[in-house]
């Protein structure tokens, strides 16, 4: 006679692999297998550190983007805020300001940019796609005005070490920050009242409003949070490269949004999990790393990420459509 507990465990495992997160585990396993087979240097410690170090800024921002998209909004300006923060730091430090003060002002830039987006979205009612597309252009333009496309460095050595050297073991401060934010924001999203409000707003903002949820306030918090975290990521980017140009972090929003949507977060809001986003992050990073080890150009890498972005939007909707059509087919 079969052990009931083992049957329950096997059923739970089987049910897990029927979920989107289960599919991501399978895709991640295949990606890792191919990387190991095609690139022997993939498993070296230095490569595993590089795998995260070259994308720490993106994966940090992906965590707050998860909240934004679950709430049925979008923030296309995150990469421009990263660039503006990095350029502001370079401008201030080379103008003679102490780096510690410049860091504080850059984080304030994140608050201001997030508040600007939040005002037009949460209180004026303009769609976030329109607002953040405009701010993407505006913030990037301001970054270029500050540096005029010149590469500026000469940062304090202690600041550069934050992006290059190990903070805990071989892992830099940016990666440690990512892990802390992953745990904290995961708890906030799935275990707190604020997280539940984000899901409710994403499902139906009007219902949330009639239920007593302060929708405008929640959206304001989310966009300011996105701005601050993007500004922090911009500082890590400047520290890692030890030099900044006006085009810093250009195009990063593609990878960031792909990580979130591939993680099972619905583009229409109201659905998603931090576990799915974590698995998606690992898939995207390993794909990029494997292609880089095989000397596949950046343009092809971007094309692959673009295909992933399209697939992450189309496939869940196709599955949902097929599932919805099953009852009708059975009745017929």
C-alpha atoms as a PDB file:
ATOM      1  CA  UNK A   1       0.000   0.000   0.000  1.00  0.00           C
ATOM      2  CA  UNK A   2       1.351   3.399  -0.994  1.00  0.00           C
ATOM      3  CA  UNK A   3       2.376   5.811   1.727  1.00  0.00           C
ATOM      4  CA  UNK A   4      -0.192   8.682   1.775  1.00  0.00           C
ATOM      5  CA  UNK A   5       2.480  11.250   2.685  1.00  0.00           C
ATOM      6  CA  UNK A   6       4.688  10.261  -0.264  1.00  0.00           C
ATOM      7  CA  UNK A   7       1.670  10.391  -2.579  1.00  0.00           C
ATOM      8  CA  UNK A   8       0.845  13.877  -1.286  1.00  0.00           C
ATOM      9  CA  UNK A   9       4.442  15.019  -1.853  1.00  0.00           C
ATOM     10  CA  UNK A  10       4.596  13.620  -5.373  1.00  0.00           C
ATOM     11  CA  UNK A  11       1.237  15.239  -6.201  1.00  0.00           C
ATOM     12  CA  UNK A  12       2.477  18.582  -4.882  1.00  0.00           C
ATOM     13  CA  UNK A  13       5.650  18.305  -6.982  1.00  0.00           C
ATOM     14  CA  UNK A  14       3.616  17.373 -10.066  1.00  0.00           C
ATOM     15  CA  UNK A  15       1.237  20.270  -9.487  1.00  0.00           C
ATOM     16  CA  UNK A  16       4.193  22.644  -9.093  1.00  0.00           C
ATOM     17  CA  UNK A  17       5.582  21.682 -12.494  1.00  0.00           C
ATOM     18  CA  UNK A  18       2.196  22.475 -14.016  1.00  0.00           C
ATOM     19  CA  UNK A  19       2.587  26.089 -12.906  1.00  0.00           C
ATOM     20  CA  UNK A  20       4.490  28.856 -14.719  1.00  0.00           C
ATOM     21  CA  UNK A  21       7.180  28.747 -12.022  1.00  0.00           C
ATOM     22  CA  UNK A  22       7.575  25.009 -12.629  1.00  0.00           C
ATOM     23  CA  UNK A  23       8.056  25.644 -16.347  1.00  0.00           C
ATOM     24  CA  UNK A  24      10.701  28.243 -15.518  1.00  0.00           C
ATOM     25  CA  UNK A  25      12.571  25.697 -13.383  1.00  0.00           C
ATOM     26  CA  UNK A  26      12.668  23.342 -16.386  1.00  0.00           C
ATOM     27  CA  UNK A  27      13.836  26.122 -18.736  1.00  0.00           C
ATOM     28  CA  UNK A  28      16.523  27.157 -16.226  1.00  0.00           C
ATOM     29  CA  UNK A  29      17.737  23.550 -15.921  1.00  0.00           C
ATOM     30  CA  UNK A  30      17.976  23.236 -19.724  1.00  0.00           C
ATOM     31  CA  UNK A  31      19.808  26.568 -19.965  1.00  0.00           C
ATOM     32  CA  UNK A  32      22.324  25.534 -17.303  1.00  0.00           C
ATOM     33  CA  UNK A  33      22.861  22.148 -18.975  1.00  0.00           C
ATOM     34  CA  UNK A  34      23.548  23.744 -22.381  1.00  0.00           C
ATOM     35  CA  UNK A  35      25.904  26.312 -20.849  1.00  0.00           C
ATOM     36  CA  UNK A  36      27.898  23.597 -19.090  1.00  0.00           C
ATOM     37  CA  UNK A  37      28.088  21.466 -22.244  1.00  0.00           C
ATOM     38  CA  UNK A  38      28.992  24.301 -24.640  1.00  0.00           C
ATOM     39  CA  UNK A  39      31.228  26.427 -22.409  1.00  0.00           C
ATOM     40  CA  UNK A  40      33.538  24.546 -19.984  1.00  0.00           C
ATOM     41  CA  UNK A  41      34.532  27.828 -18.317  1.00  0.00           C
ATOM     42  CA  UNK A  42      30.892  28.459 -17.352  1.00  0.00           C
ATOM     43  CA  UNK A  43      31.262  26.710 -13.980  1.00  0.00           C
ATOM     44  CA  UNK A  44      34.362  28.611 -12.880  1.00  0.00           C
ATOM     45  CA  UNK A  45      33.954  30.750  -9.765  1.00  0.00           C
ATOM     46  CA  UNK A  46      34.992  33.926 -11.576  1.00  0.00           C
ATOM     47  CA  UNK A  47      32.392  33.397 -14.289  1.00  0.00           C
ATOM     48  CA  UNK A  48      29.650  32.794 -11.736  1.00  0.00           C
ATOM     49  CA  UNK A  49      30.602  36.046 -10.007  1.00  0.00           C
ATOM     50  CA  UNK A  50      30.660  37.870 -13.365  1.00  0.00           C
ATOM     51  CA  UNK A  51      27.257  36.412 -14.236  1.00  0.00           C
ATOM     52  CA  UNK A  52      25.684  38.556 -11.516  1.00  0.00           C
ATOM     53  CA  UNK A  53      28.193  41.402 -11.315  1.00  0.00           C
ATOM     54  CA  UNK A  54      27.565  42.582 -14.873  1.00  0.00           C
ATOM     55  CA  UNK A  55      23.784  42.736 -14.286  1.00  0.00           C
ATOM     56  CA  UNK A  56      23.394  43.542 -10.586  1.00  0.00           C
ATOM     57  CA  UNK A  57      21.894  46.941 -11.385  1.00  0.00           C
ATOM     58  CA  UNK A  58      19.217  45.453 -13.654  1.00  0.00           C
ATOM     59  CA  UNK A  59      18.124  42.721 -11.255  1.00  0.00           C
ATOM     60  CA  UNK A  60      17.798  45.212  -8.386  1.00  0.00           C
ATOM     61  CA  UNK A  61      15.421  47.376 -10.432  1.00  0.00           C
ATOM     62  CA  UNK A  62      13.496  44.287 -11.621  1.00  0.00           C
ATOM     63  CA  UNK A  63      12.323  43.739  -8.028  1.00  0.00           C
ATOM     64  CA  UNK A  64      10.528  47.080  -7.816  1.00  0.00           C
ATOM     65  CA  UNK A  65       9.315  46.757 -11.406  1.00  0.00           C
ATOM     66  CA  UNK A  66       7.514  43.618 -10.216  1.00  0.00           C
ATOM     67  CA  UNK A  67       5.356  45.734  -7.896  1.00  0.00           C
ATOM     68  CA  UNK A  68       4.692  48.291 -10.638  1.00  0.00           C
ATOM     69  CA  UNK A  69       3.496  45.734 -13.208  1.00  0.00           C
ATOM     70  CA  UNK A  70       1.429  43.733 -10.699  1.00  0.00           C
ATOM     71  CA  UNK A  71      -0.403  47.000  -9.980  1.00  0.00           C
ATOM     72  CA  UNK A  72      -1.235  47.131 -13.742  1.00  0.00           C
ATOM     73  CA  UNK A  73       1.200  49.988 -14.420  1.00  0.00           C
ATOM     74  CA  UNK A  74       4.552  50.245 -16.216  1.00  0.00           C
ATOM     75  CA  UNK A  75       7.680  52.316 -15.650  1.00  0.00           C
ATOM     76  CA  UNK A  76       9.688  52.760 -18.841  1.00  0.00           C
ATOM     77  CA  UNK A  77      11.862  55.453 -17.270  1.00  0.00           C
ATOM     78  CA  UNK A  78      13.860  53.230 -14.893  1.00  0.00           C
ATOM     79  CA  UNK A  79      16.977  53.026 -17.083  1.00  0.00           C
ATOM     80  CA  UNK A  80      16.884  56.791 -17.685  1.00  0.00           C
ATOM     81  CA  UNK A  81      16.666  57.390 -13.927  1.00  0.00           C
ATOM     82  CA  UNK A  82      19.654  55.067 -13.482  1.00  0.00           C
ATOM     83  CA  UNK A  83      21.579  57.089 -16.066  1.00  0.00           C
ATOM     84  CA  UNK A  84      20.492  60.419 -14.575  1.00  0.00           C
ATOM     85  CA  UNK A  85      21.572  59.310 -11.106  1.00  0.00           C
ATOM     86  CA  UNK A  86      24.978  58.137 -12.343  1.00  0.00           C
ATOM     87  CA  UNK A  87      25.501  61.343 -14.354  1.00  0.00           C
ATOM     88  CA  UNK A  88      24.406  63.527 -11.440  1.00  0.00           C
ATOM     89  CA  UNK A  89      26.950  61.805  -9.204  1.00  0.00           C
ATOM     90  CA  UNK A  90      29.737  62.308 -11.748  1.00  0.00           C
ATOM     91  CA  UNK A  91      28.772  65.952 -12.265  1.00  0.00           C
ATOM     92  CA  UNK A  92      28.651  66.750  -8.544  1.00  0.00           C
ATOM     93  CA  UNK A  93      31.836  64.905  -7.573  1.00  0.00           C
ATOM     94  CA  UNK A  94      33.833  66.457 -10.405  1.00  0.00           C
ATOM     95  CA  UNK A  95      32.401  69.808  -9.351  1.00  0.00           C
ATOM     96  CA  UNK A  96      34.059  69.391  -5.954  1.00  0.00           C
ATOM     97  CA  UNK A  97      31.252  67.947  -3.800  1.00  0.00           C
ATOM     98  CA  UNK A  98      32.053  65.188  -1.325  1.00  0.00           C
ATOM     99  CA  UNK A  99      30.988  61.807  -2.691  1.00  0.00           C
ATOM    100  CA  UNK A 100      28.859  60.981   0.367  1.00  0.00           C
ATOM    101  CA  UNK A 101      26.804  64.162  -0.126  1.00  0.00           C
ATOM    102  CA  UNK A 102      26.541  63.453  -3.851  1.00  0.00           C
ATOM    103  CA  UNK A 103      25.154  59.970  -3.113  1.00  0.00           C
ATOM    104  CA  UNK A 104      22.456  61.468  -0.889  1.00  0.00           C
ATOM    105  CA  UNK A 105      21.491  63.972  -3.586  1.00  0.00           C
ATOM    106  CA  UNK A 106      21.342  61.214  -6.224  1.00  0.00           C
ATOM    107  CA  UNK A 107      18.921  59.257  -4.057  1.00  0.00           C
ATOM    108  CA  UNK A 108      16.903  62.467  -3.731  1.00  0.00           C
ATOM    109  CA  UNK A 109      16.873  62.624  -7.544  1.00  0.00           C
ATOM    110  CA  UNK A 110      15.269  59.170  -7.422  1.00  0.00           C
ATOM    111  CA  UNK A 111      12.579  60.443  -5.066  1.00  0.00           C
ATOM    112  CA  UNK A 112      11.882  63.451  -7.285  1.00  0.00           C
ATOM    113  CA  UNK A 113      11.715  61.490 -10.546  1.00  0.00           C
ATOM    114  CA  UNK A 114       9.433  58.918  -8.950  1.00  0.00           C
ATOM    115  CA  UNK A 115       7.215  61.651  -7.528  1.00  0.00           C
ATOM    116  CA  UNK A 116       6.972  63.344 -10.941  1.00  0.00           C
ATOM    117  CA  UNK A 117       5.798  60.101 -12.540  1.00  0.00           C
ATOM    118  CA  UNK A 118       3.419  59.413  -9.656  1.00  0.00           C
ATOM    119  CA  UNK A 119       1.796  62.853  -9.837  1.00  0.00           C
ATOM    120  CA  UNK A 120       0.793  62.529 -13.491  1.00  0.00           C
ATOM    121  CA  UNK A 121      -0.242  58.880 -13.157  1.00  0.00           C
ATOM    122  CA  UNK A 122      -1.894  58.704  -9.736  1.00  0.00           C
ATOM    123  CA  UNK A 123      -3.471  62.157  -9.485  1.00  0.00           C
ATOM    124  CA  UNK A 124      -3.865  63.511 -13.020  1.00  0.00           C
ATOM    125  CA  UNK A 125      -4.837  60.134 -14.447  1.00  0.00           C
ATOM    126  CA  UNK A 126      -2.564  59.942 -17.494  1.00  0.00           C
ATOM    127  CA  UNK A 127      -1.663  56.324 -18.408  1.00  0.00           C
ATOM    128  CA  UNK A 128       1.696  55.230 -17.026  1.00  0.00           C
ATOM    129  CA  UNK A 129       2.840  54.085 -20.481  1.00  0.00           C
ATOM    130  CA  UNK A 130       2.531  57.659 -21.781  1.00  0.00           C
ATOM    131  CA  UNK A 131       3.975  59.351 -18.694  1.00  0.00           C
ATOM    132  CA  UNK A 132       7.015  57.110 -18.301  1.00  0.00           C
ATOM    133  CA  UNK A 133       7.751  57.138 -22.028  1.00  0.00           C
ATOM    134  CA  UNK A 134       7.892  60.936 -21.823  1.00  0.00           C
ATOM    135  CA  UNK A 135      10.020  60.848 -18.670  1.00  0.00           C
ATOM    136  CA  UNK A 136      12.305  58.252 -20.274  1.00  0.00           C
ATOM    137  CA  UNK A 137      13.132  60.851 -22.931  1.00  0.00           C
ATOM    138  CA  UNK A 138      13.206  63.780 -20.511  1.00  0.00           C
ATOM    139  CA  UNK A 139      15.418  62.215 -17.835  1.00  0.00           C
ATOM    140  CA  UNK A 140      17.806  60.846 -20.463  1.00  0.00           C
ATOM    141  CA  UNK A 141      18.025  64.295 -22.043  1.00  0.00           C
ATOM    142  CA  UNK A 142      18.848  65.844 -18.675  1.00  0.00           C
ATOM    143  CA  UNK A 143      21.604  63.267 -18.127  1.00  0.00           C
ATOM    144  CA  UNK A 144      23.124  64.210 -21.484  1.00  0.00           C
ATOM    145  CA  UNK A 145      22.924  67.903 -20.614  1.00  0.00           C
ATOM    146  CA  UNK A 146      24.918  67.286 -17.418  1.00  0.00           C
ATOM    147  CA  UNK A 147      27.800  65.441 -19.092  1.00  0.00           C
ATOM    148  CA  UNK A 148      27.430  66.367 -22.775  1.00  0.00           C
ATOM    149  CA  UNK A 149      28.378  62.798 -23.812  1.00  0.00           C
ATOM    150  CA  UNK A 150      31.785  63.058 -22.152  1.00  0.00           C
ATOM    151  CA  UNK A 151      33.108  60.174 -20.083  1.00  0.00           C
ATOM    152  CA  UNK A 152      33.742  61.402 -16.537  1.00  0.00           C
ATOM    153  CA  UNK A 153      35.494  59.429 -13.803  1.00  0.00           C
ATOM    154  CA  UNK A 154      37.959  60.429 -11.069  1.00  0.00           C
ATOM    155  CA  UNK A 155      35.680  59.023  -8.374  1.00  0.00           C
ATOM    156  CA  UNK A 156      37.036  58.264  -4.884  1.00  0.00           C
ATOM    157  CA  UNK A 157      38.597  54.817  -4.695  1.00  0.00           C
ATOM    158  CA  UNK A 158      36.300  53.757  -1.850  1.00  0.00           C
ATOM    159  CA  UNK A 159      33.316  54.478  -4.095  1.00  0.00           C
ATOM    160  CA  UNK A 160      34.727  52.470  -7.012  1.00  0.00           C
ATOM    161  CA  UNK A 161      35.394  49.549  -4.693  1.00  0.00           C
ATOM    162  CA  UNK A 162      31.679  49.366  -3.869  1.00  0.00           C
ATOM    163  CA  UNK A 163      31.018  48.217  -7.423  1.00  0.00           C
ATOM    164  CA  UNK A 164      34.074  46.021  -7.947  1.00  0.00           C
ATOM    165  CA  UNK A 165      35.329  44.477  -4.720  1.00  0.00           C
ATOM    166  CA  UNK A 166      33.767  41.811  -2.552  1.00  0.00           C
ATOM    167  CA  UNK A 167      31.602  43.118   0.260  1.00  0.00           C
ATOM    168  CA  UNK A 168      30.628  39.744   1.729  1.00  0.00           C
ATOM    169  CA  UNK A 169      33.063  37.141   0.462  1.00  0.00           C
ATOM    170  CA  UNK A 170      33.488  37.555  -3.309  1.00  0.00           C
ATOM    171  CA  UNK A 171      30.101  39.255  -3.714  1.00  0.00           C
ATOM    172  CA  UNK A 172      29.981  43.056  -4.177  1.00  0.00           C
ATOM    173  CA  UNK A 173      27.628  45.359  -2.296  1.00  0.00           C
ATOM    174  CA  UNK A 174      25.212  45.525  -5.247  1.00  0.00           C
ATOM    175  CA  UNK A 175      24.599  41.766  -5.129  1.00  0.00           C
ATOM    176  CA  UNK A 176      24.182  41.822  -1.344  1.00  0.00           C
ATOM    177  CA  UNK A 177      21.675  44.657  -1.779  1.00  0.00           C
ATOM    178  CA  UNK A 178      19.792  42.561  -4.340  1.00  0.00           C
ATOM    179  CA  UNK A 179      19.525  39.597  -1.951  1.00  0.00           C
ATOM    180  CA  UNK A 180      18.307  41.819   0.914  1.00  0.00           C
ATOM    181  CA  UNK A 181      15.742  43.543  -1.308  1.00  0.00           C
ATOM    182  CA  UNK A 182      14.597  40.190  -2.719  1.00  0.00           C
ATOM    183  CA  UNK A 183      13.807  38.897   0.773  1.00  0.00           C
ATOM    184  CA  UNK A 184      12.286  42.130   2.088  1.00  0.00           C
ATOM    185  CA  UNK A 185      10.186  42.930  -0.984  1.00  0.00           C
ATOM    186  CA  UNK A 186       9.142  39.295  -1.319  1.00  0.00           C
ATOM    187  CA  UNK A 187       7.746  39.407   2.224  1.00  0.00           C
ATOM    188  CA  UNK A 188       6.090  42.779   1.593  1.00  0.00           C
ATOM    189  CA  UNK A 189       4.468  41.568  -1.636  1.00  0.00           C
ATOM    190  CA  UNK A 190       3.179  38.219  -0.385  1.00  0.00           C
ATOM    191  CA  UNK A 191       2.800  38.611   3.376  1.00  0.00           C
ATOM    192  CA  UNK A 192       1.589  42.150   4.103  1.00  0.00           C
ATOM    193  CA  UNK A 193      -1.533  44.228   3.660  1.00  0.00           C
ATOM    194  CA  UNK A 194       0.313  46.600   1.345  1.00  0.00           C
ATOM    195  CA  UNK A 195       1.185  43.715  -0.960  1.00  0.00           C
ATOM    196  CA  UNK A 196      -2.442  42.588  -1.039  1.00  0.00           C
ATOM    197  CA  UNK A 197      -3.485  46.127  -1.950  1.00  0.00           C
ATOM    198  CA  UNK A 198      -1.054  46.054  -4.896  1.00  0.00           C
ATOM    199  CA  UNK A 199      -2.680  42.853  -6.185  1.00  0.00           C
ATOM    200  CA  UNK A 200      -6.200  44.229  -5.670  1.00  0.00           C
ATOM    201  CA  UNK A 201      -5.367  47.434  -7.557  1.00  0.00           C
ATOM    202  CA  UNK A 202      -3.872  45.375 -10.358  1.00  0.00           C
ATOM    203  CA  UNK A 203      -7.014  43.276 -10.674  1.00  0.00           C
ATOM    204  CA  UNK A 204      -9.402  46.227 -10.640  1.00  0.00           C
ATOM    205  CA  UNK A 205      -8.489  49.713  -9.445  1.00  0.00           C
ATOM    206  CA  UNK A 206     -12.134  50.822  -9.182  1.00  0.00           C
ATOM    207  CA  UNK A 207     -13.082  47.860  -7.003  1.00  0.00           C
ATOM    208  CA  UNK A 208     -10.014  48.556  -4.862  1.00  0.00           C
ATOM    209  CA  UNK A 209     -11.071  52.194  -4.484  1.00  0.00           C
ATOM    210  CA  UNK A 210     -14.611  51.263  -3.434  1.00  0.00           C
ATOM    211  CA  UNK A 211     -13.122  48.756  -0.984  1.00  0.00           C
ATOM    212  CA  UNK A 212     -11.327  51.559   0.819  1.00  0.00           C
ATOM    213  CA  UNK A 213      -7.872  51.171  -0.737  1.00  0.00           C
ATOM    214  CA  UNK A 214      -6.152  54.523  -1.229  1.00  0.00           C
ATOM    215  CA  UNK A 215      -5.184  53.784  -4.820  1.00  0.00           C
ATOM    216  CA  UNK A 216      -3.415  57.082  -5.525  1.00  0.00           C
ATOM    217  CA  UNK A 217      -1.298  56.768  -2.387  1.00  0.00           C
ATOM    218  CA  UNK A 218      -0.279  53.186  -3.170  1.00  0.00           C
ATOM    219  CA  UNK A 219       0.677  54.143  -6.735  1.00  0.00           C
ATOM    220  CA  UNK A 220       2.671  57.104  -5.423  1.00  0.00           C
ATOM    221  CA  UNK A 221       4.604  54.846  -3.050  1.00  0.00           C
ATOM    222  CA  UNK A 222       5.309  52.373  -5.853  1.00  0.00           C
ATOM    223  CA  UNK A 223       6.661  54.946  -8.302  1.00  0.00           C
ATOM    224  CA  UNK A 224       8.767  56.715  -5.671  1.00  0.00           C
ATOM    225  CA  UNK A 225      10.110  53.308  -4.615  1.00  0.00           C
ATOM    226  CA  UNK A 226      10.927  52.577  -8.254  1.00  0.00           C
ATOM    227  CA  UNK A 227      12.689  55.935  -8.606  1.00  0.00           C
ATOM    228  CA  UNK A 228      14.813  55.511  -5.464  1.00  0.00           C
ATOM    229  CA  UNK A 229      15.857  51.948  -6.294  1.00  0.00           C
ATOM    230  CA  UNK A 230      16.664  52.961  -9.885  1.00  0.00           C
ATOM    231  CA  UNK A 231      18.802  55.846  -8.585  1.00  0.00           C
ATOM    232  CA  UNK A 232      20.595  53.457  -6.222  1.00  0.00           C
ATOM    233  CA  UNK A 233      21.207  51.059  -9.115  1.00  0.00           C
ATOM    234  CA  UNK A 234      22.617  53.975 -11.124  1.00  0.00           C
ATOM    235  CA  UNK A 235      25.129  54.647  -8.340  1.00  0.00           C
ATOM    236  CA  UNK A 236      26.190  50.994  -8.346  1.00  0.00           C
ATOM    237  CA  UNK A 237      26.582  51.219 -12.128  1.00  0.00           C
ATOM    238  CA  UNK A 238      28.839  54.267 -11.798  1.00  0.00           C
ATOM    239  CA  UNK A 239      30.889  52.536  -9.099  1.00  0.00           C
ATOM    240  CA  UNK A 240      31.333  49.370 -11.177  1.00  0.00           C
ATOM    241  CA  UNK A 241      32.526  51.212 -14.295  1.00  0.00           C
ATOM    242  CA  UNK A 242      34.366  53.998 -12.407  1.00  0.00           C
ATOM    243  CA  UNK A 243      33.319  56.293 -15.252  1.00  0.00           C
ATOM    244  CA  UNK A 244      30.005  57.643 -16.541  1.00  0.00           C
ATOM    245  CA  UNK A 245      28.691  58.906 -19.886  1.00  0.00           C
ATOM    246  CA  UNK A 246      25.398  60.565 -20.767  1.00  0.00           C
ATOM    247  CA  UNK A 247      24.150  57.329 -22.333  1.00  0.00           C
ATOM    248  CA  UNK A 248      24.703  55.282 -19.162  1.00  0.00           C
ATOM    249  CA  UNK A 249      22.286  52.332 -18.782  1.00  0.00           C
ATOM    250  CA  UNK A 250      20.647  52.965 -22.163  1.00  0.00           C
ATOM    251  CA  UNK A 251      18.350  50.069 -23.101  1.00  0.00           C
ATOM    252  CA  UNK A 252      18.419  48.437 -19.674  1.00  0.00           C
ATOM    253  CA  UNK A 253      14.633  48.701 -19.428  1.00  0.00           C
ATOM    254  CA  UNK A 254      14.301  45.900 -22.037  1.00  0.00           C
ATOM    255  CA  UNK A 255      16.075  43.335 -19.857  1.00  0.00           C
ATOM    256  CA  UNK A 256      14.336  44.562 -16.709  1.00  0.00           C
ATOM    257  CA  UNK A 257      10.816  44.305 -18.115  1.00  0.00           C
ATOM    258  CA  UNK A 258      11.638  40.941 -19.726  1.00  0.00           C
ATOM    259  CA  UNK A 259      12.780  39.537 -16.385  1.00  0.00           C
ATOM    260  CA  UNK A 260       9.508  40.560 -14.767  1.00  0.00           C
ATOM    261  CA  UNK A 261       7.125  39.402 -17.500  1.00  0.00           C
ATOM    262  CA  UNK A 262       8.993  36.149 -18.118  1.00  0.00           C
ATOM    263  CA  UNK A 263       8.642  35.538 -14.384  1.00  0.00           C
ATOM    264  CA  UNK A 264       4.886  35.164 -14.834  1.00  0.00           C
ATOM    265  CA  UNK A 265       3.841  38.680 -13.839  1.00  0.00           C
ATOM    266  CA  UNK A 266       0.825  39.567 -15.962  1.00  0.00           C
ATOM    267  CA  UNK A 267       1.209  42.646 -18.146  1.00  0.00           C
ATOM    268  CA  UNK A 268      -2.448  43.362 -17.283  1.00  0.00           C
ATOM    269  CA  UNK A 269      -1.706  43.345 -13.534  1.00  0.00           C
ATOM    270  CA  UNK A 270      -3.037  41.437 -10.547  1.00  0.00           C
ATOM    271  CA  UNK A 271      -0.883  38.331 -10.967  1.00  0.00           C
ATOM    272  CA  UNK A 272       2.722  37.388 -10.276  1.00  0.00           C
ATOM    273  CA  UNK A 273       5.203  36.109  -7.713  1.00  0.00           C
ATOM    274  CA  UNK A 274       8.678  37.052  -6.558  1.00  0.00           C
ATOM    275  CA  UNK A 275       9.744  33.411  -6.974  1.00  0.00           C
ATOM    276  CA  UNK A 276       8.839  33.529 -10.653  1.00  0.00           C
ATOM    277  CA  UNK A 277      10.787  36.771 -11.116  1.00  0.00           C
ATOM    278  CA  UNK A 278      13.840  35.268  -9.381  1.00  0.00           C
ATOM    279  CA  UNK A 279      13.747  32.226 -11.684  1.00  0.00           C
ATOM    280  CA  UNK A 280      13.330  34.501 -14.688  1.00  0.00           C
ATOM    281  CA  UNK A 281      16.310  36.606 -13.593  1.00  0.00           C
ATOM    282  CA  UNK A 282      18.454  33.481 -13.401  1.00  0.00           C
ATOM    283  CA  UNK A 283      17.309  32.389 -16.875  1.00  0.00           C
ATOM    284  CA  UNK A 284      18.044  35.765 -18.501  1.00  0.00           C
ATOM    285  CA  UNK A 285      21.442  36.117 -16.800  1.00  0.00           C
ATOM    286  CA  UNK A 286      22.482  32.578 -17.738  1.00  0.00           C
ATOM    287  CA  UNK A 287      21.302  33.045 -21.319  1.00  0.00           C
ATOM    288  CA  UNK A 288      23.293  36.245 -21.711  1.00  0.00           C
ATOM    289  CA  UNK A 289      26.326  34.733 -19.996  1.00  0.00           C
ATOM    290  CA  UNK A 290      26.235  31.569 -22.107  1.00  0.00           C
ATOM    291  CA  UNK A 291      25.914  33.554 -25.333  1.00  0.00           C
ATOM    292  CA  UNK A 292      28.783  35.833 -24.292  1.00  0.00           C
ATOM    293  CA  UNK A 293      31.016  32.811 -23.590  1.00  0.00           C
ATOM    294  CA  UNK A 294      30.193  31.537 -27.072  1.00  0.00           C
ATOM    295  CA  UNK A 295      31.175  34.953 -28.524  1.00  0.00           C
ATOM    296  CA  UNK A 296      27.624  35.705 -29.671  1.00  0.00           C
ATOM    297  CA  UNK A 297      27.357  39.438 -30.313  1.00  0.00           C
ATOM    298  CA  UNK A 298      25.389  41.852 -28.164  1.00  0.00           C
ATOM    299  CA  UNK A 299      22.919  42.554 -30.968  1.00  0.00           C
ATOM    300  CA  UNK A 300      21.961  38.879 -31.189  1.00  0.00           C
ATOM    301  CA  UNK A 301      21.720  38.719 -27.398  1.00  0.00           C
ATOM    302  CA  UNK A 302      19.329  41.673 -27.465  1.00  0.00           C
ATOM    303  CA  UNK A 303      17.275  39.977 -30.184  1.00  0.00           C
ATOM    304  CA  UNK A 304      16.992  36.825 -28.061  1.00  0.00           C
ATOM    305  CA  UNK A 305      15.879  38.874 -25.049  1.00  0.00           C
ATOM    306  CA  UNK A 306      13.350  40.639 -27.263  1.00  0.00           C
ATOM    307  CA  UNK A 307      11.937  37.273 -28.381  1.00  0.00           C
ATOM    308  CA  UNK A 308      11.717  36.249 -24.724  1.00  0.00           C
ATOM    309  CA  UNK A 309       9.834  39.470 -23.946  1.00  0.00           C
ATOM    310  CA  UNK A 310       7.292  38.839 -26.714  1.00  0.00           C
ATOM    311  CA  UNK A 311       6.918  35.176 -25.692  1.00  0.00           C
ATOM    312  CA  UNK A 312       6.444  36.055 -22.027  1.00  0.00           C
ATOM    313  CA  UNK A 313       3.457  38.220 -23.002  1.00  0.00           C
ATOM    314  CA  UNK A 314       1.908  36.001 -25.687  1.00  0.00           C
ATOM    315  CA  UNK A 315       2.267  32.504 -24.194  1.00  0.00           C
ATOM    316  CA  UNK A 316       0.440  33.128 -20.863  1.00  0.00           C
ATOM    317  CA  UNK A 317      -2.412  34.844 -22.730  1.00  0.00           C
ATOM    318  CA  UNK A 318      -2.611  31.970 -25.217  1.00  0.00           C
ATOM    319  CA  UNK A 319      -2.713  29.403 -22.392  1.00  0.00           C
ATOM    320  CA  UNK A 320      -5.386  31.421 -20.588  1.00  0.00           C
ATOM    321  CA  UNK A 321      -7.477  31.599 -23.772  1.00  0.00           C
ATOM    322  CA  UNK A 322      -7.192  27.846 -24.328  1.00  0.00           C
ATOM    323  CA  UNK A 323      -8.150  27.115 -20.720  1.00  0.00           C
ATOM    324  CA  UNK A 324     -11.172  29.417 -20.974  1.00  0.00           C
ATOM    325  CA  UNK A 325     -12.331  27.668 -24.143  1.00  0.00           C
ATOM    326  CA  UNK A 326     -12.276  24.175 -22.607  1.00  0.00           C
ATOM    327  CA  UNK A 327     -15.623  24.396 -20.733  1.00  0.00           C
ATOM    328  CA  UNK A 328     -17.374  25.629 -23.905  1.00  0.00           C
ATOM    329  CA  UNK A 329     -15.875  22.773 -25.909  1.00  0.00           C
ATOM    330  CA  UNK A 330     -16.964  20.225 -23.294  1.00  0.00           C
ATOM    331  CA  UNK A 331     -20.513  21.592 -23.235  1.00  0.00           C
ATOM    332  CA  UNK A 332     -20.705  21.385 -27.008  1.00  0.00           C
END
